[in-house]
Amino acid sequence: MMQTEAGYILVVDDEKTIREVVRRYLELEGFRVKEAEDGYQALDIVELHPPALIVLDLMLPGIDGVTLTKQIRREHRVPIIMLTARGEPVDRIQGLEVGADDYMVKPFVPQELVARVQAVLRRVNEKAFPAGPSLTFEGIQIDPAARSCVVAGEEVQLTAREFDLLWLFASQPGRVFTREQMLDHIWGAGYYGEASTVTVYIRRLREKIEKDPQNPEIIRTVWGVGYKFEA
């Protein structure tokens, strides 16, 4: 059983039945849970006391899940697992691109959602990699202890998985990683998502740390294989 001493799980869904089911299964595993039925209520809760993780429905009244994620990401790095009744790849990619850490399609198995919550929190709490000395390259500094990244003198806001992926690259410059290897390292060997998820995160990282994301100089594509970090 995983305890959440440092926070709670916020479940945001306009369907009361889904909120109650998710709450019940999370509480059985020792989590503290708060609920919000729309985006405005969720924003108020997050601003008052940021949660450890958010389970967020994509289709919400008032503020939809994508817009809400964007607003939360401006101020907070809290992990977000997005729920949606739409399983099209474009919807999943849209959720990941705006900052979601994981994505589940309704109807879902509650036990799997709990396992996803535990996996995301475990990686955040363990900081994914052992803390070590800061890494400094031309124009970029990465501090694993603070989980911060400074580019051209300004700190960039990275989600937990974005930072983990950057650290994986930067701590082994020049090494080529396949998408499957990155999924195993960052999402865990039991992750059932698609390798295209990595492509979304690479694009998001490039947009935040590259001078020209369309012509990247830091995270290079190795065609037919994967990606590598150019020191």
Protein backbone atom coordinates (compact mmCIF):
# COMPACT_ATOMS: atom_id res chain seq x y z
CA MET A 1 0.00 0.00 0.00
CA MET A 2 1.36 3.40 -1.00
CA GLN A 3 0.83 6.28 1.42
CA THR A 4 0.79 9.90 0.30
CA GLU A 5 2.03 11.77 3.35
CA ALA A 6 3.04 14.84 1.37
CA GLY A 7 -0.17 15.36 -0.58
CA TYR A 8 -3.45 14.11 -1.96
CA ILE A 9 -4.93 13.03 -5.30
CA LEU A 10 -7.33 15.41 -7.01
CA VAL A 11 -9.95 13.69 -9.19
CA VAL A 12 -11.56 16.03 -11.71
CA ASP A 13 -14.57 14.66 -13.60
CA ASP A 14 -18.10 15.92 -14.21
CA GLU A 15 -19.49 12.40 -13.77
CA LYS A 16 -20.15 11.75 -10.09
CA THR A 17 -20.11 7.98 -10.53
CA ILE A 18 -16.61 8.02 -12.01
CA ARG A 19 -15.33 10.30 -9.24
CA GLU A 20 -16.75 7.99 -6.60
CA VAL A 21 -15.30 4.85 -8.19
CA VAL A 22 -11.84 6.40 -8.58
CA ARG A 23 -11.96 7.75 -5.03
CA ARG A 24 -12.94 4.37 -3.59
CA TYR A 25 -10.14 2.47 -5.31
CA LEU A 26 -7.52 5.11 -4.48
CA GLU A 27 -8.57 5.26 -0.84
CA LEU A 28 -8.32 1.46 -0.62
CA GLU A 29 -4.62 1.93 -1.44
CA GLY A 30 -4.15 4.55 1.27
CA PHE A 31 -4.42 7.70 -0.83
CA ARG A 32 -6.17 10.85 0.34
CA VAL A 33 -8.55 12.11 -2.34
CA LYS A 34 -10.33 15.37 -3.17
CA GLU A 35 -12.89 15.81 -5.94
CA ALA A 36 -13.79 18.56 -8.40
CA GLU A 37 -16.71 18.43 -10.82
CA ASP A 38 -15.49 21.08 -13.25
CA GLY A 39 -12.39 23.01 -14.29
CA TYR A 40 -13.12 26.14 -12.28
CA GLN A 41 -13.49 24.19 -9.06
CA ALA A 42 -10.31 22.28 -9.84
CA LEU A 43 -8.34 25.50 -10.39
CA ASP A 44 -9.51 26.88 -7.04
CA ILE A 45 -8.42 23.70 -5.26
CA VAL A 46 -5.04 23.56 -6.98
CA GLU A 47 -4.28 27.22 -6.23
CA LEU A 48 -5.24 26.81 -2.58
CA HIS A 49 -3.30 23.58 -1.98
CA PRO A 50 -1.54 21.87 -4.92
CA PRO A 51 -2.12 18.09 -4.99
CA ALA A 52 0.47 15.34 -5.39
CA LEU A 53 -1.24 14.23 -8.62
CA ILE A 54 -4.32 15.05 -10.68
CA VAL A 55 -6.62 12.56 -12.42
CA LEU A 56 -8.28 14.77 -15.02
CA ASP A 57 -11.14 14.20 -17.45
CA LEU A 58 -10.56 15.66 -20.90
CA MET A 59 -14.20 16.62 -21.57
CA LEU A 60 -15.20 19.00 -18.78
CA PRO A 61 -17.89 21.69 -18.64
CA GLY A 62 -16.65 25.27 -18.46
CA ILE A 63 -12.93 24.67 -18.88
CA ASP A 64 -11.99 21.56 -20.88
CA GLY A 65 -9.17 19.31 -19.73
CA VAL A 66 -6.66 20.55 -22.31
CA THR A 67 -7.17 24.22 -21.37
CA LEU A 68 -7.11 23.35 -17.67
CA THR A 69 -3.85 21.45 -18.07
CA LYS A 70 -2.27 24.44 -19.83
CA GLN A 71 -3.34 26.76 -17.01
CA ILE A 72 -2.06 24.43 -14.30
CA ARG A 73 1.26 23.96 -16.12
CA ARG A 74 1.93 27.71 -16.02
CA GLU A 75 2.40 27.55 -12.25
CA HIS A 76 2.70 23.92 -11.16
CA ARG A 77 4.59 20.75 -12.08
CA VAL A 78 2.05 18.41 -10.48
CA PRO A 79 1.76 15.14 -12.45
CA ILE A 80 -1.46 14.77 -14.46
CA ILE A 81 -3.13 11.58 -15.68
CA MET A 82 -5.74 12.43 -18.30
CA LEU A 83 -8.96 10.47 -18.77
CA THR A 84 -11.08 10.61 -21.90
CA ALA A 85 -13.85 8.78 -23.69
CA ARG A 86 -12.07 9.54 -26.97
CA GLY A 87 -9.36 7.07 -27.82
CA GLU A 88 -8.15 8.52 -31.10
CA PRO A 89 -4.35 9.01 -31.30
CA VAL A 90 -4.81 12.73 -31.99
CA ASP A 91 -6.63 13.15 -28.66
CA ARG A 92 -3.98 11.23 -26.74
CA ILE A 93 -1.18 13.19 -28.40
CA GLN A 94 -2.95 16.49 -27.69
CA GLY A 95 -3.16 15.61 -24.01
CA LEU A 96 0.51 14.70 -23.83
CA GLU A 97 1.58 17.77 -25.76
CA VAL A 98 -0.02 20.18 -23.29
CA GLY A 99 1.66 18.51 -20.32
CA ALA A 100 -0.21 15.36 -19.26
CA ASP A 101 2.05 12.65 -17.82
CA ASP A 102 -0.17 9.73 -18.78
CA TYR A 103 -3.39 9.02 -20.60
CA MET A 104 -6.22 6.50 -20.12
CA VAL A 105 -9.29 5.87 -22.26
CA LYS A 106 -12.75 5.35 -20.77
CA PRO A 107 -14.05 2.87 -19.89
CA PHE A 108 -11.00 1.93 -17.85
CA VAL A 109 -10.19 -0.69 -15.23
CA PRO A 110 -9.94 1.10 -11.84
CA GLN A 111 -7.10 -1.14 -10.70
CA GLU A 112 -5.06 -0.13 -13.76
CA LEU A 113 -5.66 3.55 -13.04
CA VAL A 114 -4.45 3.03 -9.47
CA ALA A 115 -1.35 1.27 -10.81
CA ARG A 116 -0.69 4.21 -13.15
CA VAL A 117 -1.07 6.66 -10.25
CA GLN A 118 1.36 4.65 -8.15
CA ALA A 119 3.88 4.41 -10.99
CA VAL A 120 3.83 8.15 -11.70
CA LEU A 121 4.13 9.08 -8.03
CA ARG A 122 6.88 6.54 -7.45
CA ARG A 123 8.94 7.99 -10.25
CA VAL A 124 8.40 11.55 -9.02
CA ASN A 125 9.21 10.64 -5.41
CA GLU A 126 12.29 8.65 -6.39
CA LYS A 127 13.25 11.44 -8.82
CA ALA A 128 13.71 8.73 -11.46
CA PHE A 129 17.51 8.78 -11.18
CA PRO A 130 19.98 9.04 -8.28
CA ALA A 131 20.83 12.63 -7.42
CA GLY A 132 24.29 13.58 -8.63
CA PRO A 133 26.29 16.65 -9.51
CA SER A 134 24.79 19.27 -11.79
CA LEU A 135 25.58 18.92 -15.47
CA THR A 136 26.68 21.98 -17.42
CA PHE A 137 26.88 22.18 -21.18
CA GLU A 138 27.09 25.16 -23.49
CA GLY A 139 24.04 27.26 -22.67
CA ILE A 140 22.33 24.68 -20.47
CA GLN A 141 22.62 23.67 -16.79
CA ILE A 142 20.77 20.68 -15.33
CA ASP A 143 20.48 20.19 -11.55
CA PRO A 144 19.13 16.74 -10.60
CA ALA A 145 18.76 17.61 -6.90
CA ALA A 146 16.53 20.60 -7.62
CA ARG A 147 15.16 18.96 -10.76
CA SER A 148 15.72 22.23 -12.56
CA CYS A 149 16.96 23.19 -16.01
CA VAL A 150 18.39 26.58 -16.94
CA VAL A 151 18.76 27.50 -20.60
CA ALA A 152 20.53 30.72 -21.63
CA GLY A 153 20.30 31.98 -18.07
CA GLU A 154 16.56 31.36 -17.64
CA GLU A 155 14.91 28.43 -15.90
CA VAL A 156 12.53 26.45 -18.07
CA GLN A 157 9.51 24.71 -16.59
CA LEU A 158 9.68 20.97 -17.17
CA THR A 159 7.16 18.35 -16.12
CA ALA A 160 8.40 15.39 -14.09
CA ARG A 161 8.71 13.14 -17.12
CA GLU A 162 10.22 15.85 -19.29
CA PHE A 163 12.96 16.32 -16.72
CA ASP A 164 13.51 12.58 -16.35
CA LEU A 165 13.88 12.22 -20.10
CA LEU A 166 16.30 15.16 -20.29
CA TRP A 167 18.38 13.76 -17.43
CA LEU A 168 18.49 10.34 -19.08
CA PHE A 169 19.96 11.96 -22.20
CA ALA A 170 22.26 14.49 -20.53
CA SER A 171 23.78 12.04 -18.05
CA GLN A 172 24.88 9.85 -20.98
CA PRO A 173 25.76 12.29 -23.78
CA GLY A 174 26.37 10.73 -27.14
CA ARG A 175 24.52 7.51 -26.32
CA VAL A 176 21.71 6.65 -28.72
CA PHE A 177 18.44 5.59 -27.08
CA THR A 178 15.66 3.82 -28.93
CA ARG A 179 12.07 4.75 -28.17
CA GLU A 180 11.57 1.40 -26.48
CA GLN A 181 14.58 1.99 -24.21
CA MET A 182 13.25 5.41 -23.26
CA LEU A 183 9.83 3.95 -22.44
CA ASP A 184 11.47 1.34 -20.20
CA HIS A 185 13.66 3.92 -18.42
CA ILE A 186 11.09 6.66 -17.95
CA TRP A 187 7.67 4.99 -17.95
CA GLY A 188 8.74 1.61 -16.61
CA ALA A 189 8.88 -1.85 -18.15
CA GLY A 190 5.19 -2.43 -17.40
CA TYR A 191 3.99 0.58 -19.38
CA TYR A 192 1.49 -0.34 -22.06
CA GLY A 193 1.56 2.90 -24.05
CA GLU A 194 2.82 3.39 -27.57
CA ALA A 195 6.34 4.31 -28.64
CA SER A 196 4.88 7.42 -30.31
CA THR A 197 4.49 8.83 -26.79
CA VAL A 198 8.25 9.36 -26.77
CA THR A 199 8.03 11.40 -29.97
CA VAL A 200 5.59 13.77 -28.28
CA TYR A 201 7.91 14.26 -25.30
CA ILE A 202 10.93 14.80 -27.50
CA ARG A 203 9.04 17.53 -29.37
CA ARG A 204 8.03 19.18 -26.09
CA LEU A 205 11.59 19.06 -24.77
CA ARG A 206 12.98 20.56 -27.95
CA GLU A 207 10.46 23.40 -27.80
CA LYS A 208 11.72 24.26 -24.32
CA ILE A 209 15.49 23.89 -24.62
CA GLU A 210 16.43 24.27 -28.29
CA LYS A 211 17.12 27.63 -29.97
CA ASP A 212 15.39 26.32 -33.07
CA PRO A 213 13.20 23.28 -32.30
CA GLN A 214 12.81 22.58 -36.01
CA ASN A 215 16.59 22.26 -36.36
CA PRO A 216 17.66 20.78 -33.01
CA GLU A 217 21.28 20.90 -31.93
CA ILE A 218 20.96 19.37 -28.44
CA ILE A 219 18.60 16.41 -28.83
CA ARG A 220 19.48 14.90 -32.19
CA THR A 221 17.50 12.37 -34.17
CA VAL A 222 19.40 9.26 -35.20
CA TRP A 223 17.30 8.17 -38.15
CA GLY A 224 15.98 4.65 -37.95
CA VAL A 225 17.25 4.20 -34.38
CA GLY A 226 16.23 6.87 -31.88
CA TYR A 227 17.70 9.99 -30.25
CA LYS A 228 20.86 11.17 -28.52
CA PHE A 229 22.09 14.16 -26.52
CA GLU A 230 24.85 16.20 -28.19
CA ALA A 231 27.16 17.69 -25.56
